[in-house]
């Protein structure tokens, strides 16, 4: 059985605990991470959204979300 993008996101969360959009793009080619997080939440997973700030390679401040799996369905 082929894994879906949602399965890959859940697997990553279970193995690493957190995921960002950049990790989803780099590792799995997933560009709609927030949609799969929404689906996992609908399935009963408890996933928090933690905003963080960093500096990009151009010296600009950027904000992004780190999703963290607290409890699986």
C-alpha atoms as a PDB file:
ATOM      1  CA  UNK A   1       0.000   0.000   0.000  1.00  0.00           C
ATOM      2  CA  UNK A   2       1.345   3.401  -1.003  1.00  0.00           C
ATOM      3  CA  UNK A   3       1.713   5.975   1.751  1.00  0.00           C
ATOM      4  CA  UNK A   4      -0.189   9.215   1.410  1.00  0.00           C
ATOM      5  CA  UNK A   5       1.259  12.632   2.153  1.00  0.00           C
ATOM      6  CA  UNK A   6      -0.799  12.653   5.368  1.00  0.00           C
ATOM      7  CA  UNK A   7       0.774   9.312   6.364  1.00  0.00           C
ATOM      8  CA  UNK A   8       4.252  10.723   5.740  1.00  0.00           C
ATOM      9  CA  UNK A   9       3.536  13.785   7.892  1.00  0.00           C
ATOM     10  CA  UNK A  10       2.232  11.598  10.724  1.00  0.00           C
ATOM     11  CA  UNK A  11       5.239   9.262  10.447  1.00  0.00           C
ATOM     12  CA  UNK A  12       7.588  12.251  10.635  1.00  0.00           C
ATOM     13  CA  UNK A  13       5.780  13.664  13.669  1.00  0.00           C
ATOM     14  CA  UNK A  14       5.889  10.313  15.432  1.00  0.00           C
ATOM     15  CA  UNK A  15       9.605   9.870  14.728  1.00  0.00           C
ATOM     16  CA  UNK A  16      10.808  13.451  15.301  1.00  0.00           C
ATOM     17  CA  UNK A  17       8.040  15.075  17.351  1.00  0.00           C
ATOM     18  CA  UNK A  18       7.890  18.256  15.246  1.00  0.00           C
ATOM     19  CA  UNK A  19       7.753  19.372  11.620  1.00  0.00           C
ATOM     20  CA  UNK A  20       8.022  22.664   9.744  1.00  0.00           C
ATOM     21  CA  UNK A  21       6.888  23.570   6.245  1.00  0.00           C
ATOM     22  CA  UNK A  22      10.506  23.643   5.099  1.00  0.00           C
ATOM     23  CA  UNK A  23      11.128  20.113   6.403  1.00  0.00           C
ATOM     24  CA  UNK A  24       7.963  18.900   4.661  1.00  0.00           C
ATOM     25  CA  UNK A  25       9.087  20.435   1.362  1.00  0.00           C
ATOM     26  CA  UNK A  26      12.678  19.196   1.594  1.00  0.00           C
ATOM     27  CA  UNK A  27      11.969  15.678   2.822  1.00  0.00           C
ATOM     28  CA  UNK A  28       8.669  14.794   1.172  1.00  0.00           C
ATOM     29  CA  UNK A  29       7.877  17.396  -1.501  1.00  0.00           C
ATOM     30  CA  UNK A  30       4.798  18.406   0.521  1.00  0.00           C
ATOM     31  CA  UNK A  31       3.778  22.026  -0.016  1.00  0.00           C
ATOM     32  CA  UNK A  32       0.404  21.922   1.767  1.00  0.00           C
ATOM     33  CA  UNK A  33       1.547  20.935   5.247  1.00  0.00           C
ATOM     34  CA  UNK A  34      -1.134  22.954   7.044  1.00  0.00           C
ATOM     35  CA  UNK A  35      -3.862  20.999   5.224  1.00  0.00           C
ATOM     36  CA  UNK A  36      -2.441  17.661   6.343  1.00  0.00           C
ATOM     37  CA  UNK A  37      -2.090  18.991   9.891  1.00  0.00           C
ATOM     38  CA  UNK A  38      -5.776  20.000   9.721  1.00  0.00           C
ATOM     39  CA  UNK A  39      -6.717  16.502   8.553  1.00  0.00           C
ATOM     40  CA  UNK A  40      -4.669  14.847  11.306  1.00  0.00           C
ATOM     41  CA  UNK A  41      -6.335  17.074  13.886  1.00  0.00           C
ATOM     42  CA  UNK A  42      -9.722  16.065  12.481  1.00  0.00           C
ATOM     43  CA  UNK A  43      -8.647  12.441  12.900  1.00  0.00           C
ATOM     44  CA  UNK A  44      -8.073  13.118  16.607  1.00  0.00           C
ATOM     45  CA  UNK A  45      -4.355  13.912  16.790  1.00  0.00           C
ATOM     46  CA  UNK A  46      -3.403  16.674  19.201  1.00  0.00           C
ATOM     47  CA  UNK A  47      -0.938  18.896  17.336  1.00  0.00           C
ATOM     48  CA  UNK A  48       0.129  22.325  18.561  1.00  0.00           C
ATOM     49  CA  UNK A  49       1.216  25.245  16.376  1.00  0.00           C
ATOM     50  CA  UNK A  50       4.148  27.198  17.775  1.00  0.00           C
ATOM     51  CA  UNK A  51       5.187  30.373  15.961  1.00  0.00           C
ATOM     52  CA  UNK A  52       8.909  31.115  15.964  1.00  0.00           C
ATOM     53  CA  UNK A  53      11.180  33.764  14.489  1.00  0.00           C
ATOM     54  CA  UNK A  54      14.517  33.435  12.797  1.00  0.00           C
ATOM     55  CA  UNK A  55      16.800  35.387  10.467  1.00  0.00           C
ATOM     56  CA  UNK A  56      17.000  34.296   6.829  1.00  0.00           C
ATOM     57  CA  UNK A  57      20.114  34.359   4.652  1.00  0.00           C
ATOM     58  CA  UNK A  58      19.372  37.970   3.655  1.00  0.00           C
ATOM     59  CA  UNK A  59      19.275  39.148   7.250  1.00  0.00           C
ATOM     60  CA  UNK A  60      15.477  39.511   7.285  1.00  0.00           C
ATOM     61  CA  UNK A  61      13.381  38.403  10.230  1.00  0.00           C
ATOM     62  CA  UNK A  62      11.029  35.574   9.246  1.00  0.00           C
ATOM     63  CA  UNK A  63       8.231  33.852  11.149  1.00  0.00           C
ATOM     64  CA  UNK A  64       7.109  30.269  10.673  1.00  0.00           C
ATOM     65  CA  UNK A  65       5.178  27.562  12.481  1.00  0.00           C
ATOM     66  CA  UNK A  66       6.634  24.489  14.140  1.00  0.00           C
ATOM     67  CA  UNK A  67       3.950  21.813  14.459  1.00  0.00           C
ATOM     68  CA  UNK A  68       4.365  19.504  17.442  1.00  0.00           C
ATOM     69  CA  UNK A  69       2.603  16.189  18.001  1.00  0.00           C
ATOM     70  CA  UNK A  70       1.327  16.034  21.587  1.00  0.00           C
ATOM     71  CA  UNK A  71      -0.952  13.006  21.338  1.00  0.00           C
ATOM     72  CA  UNK A  72      -1.801  10.564  18.572  1.00  0.00           C
ATOM     73  CA  UNK A  73      -5.404   9.577  17.834  1.00  0.00           C
END
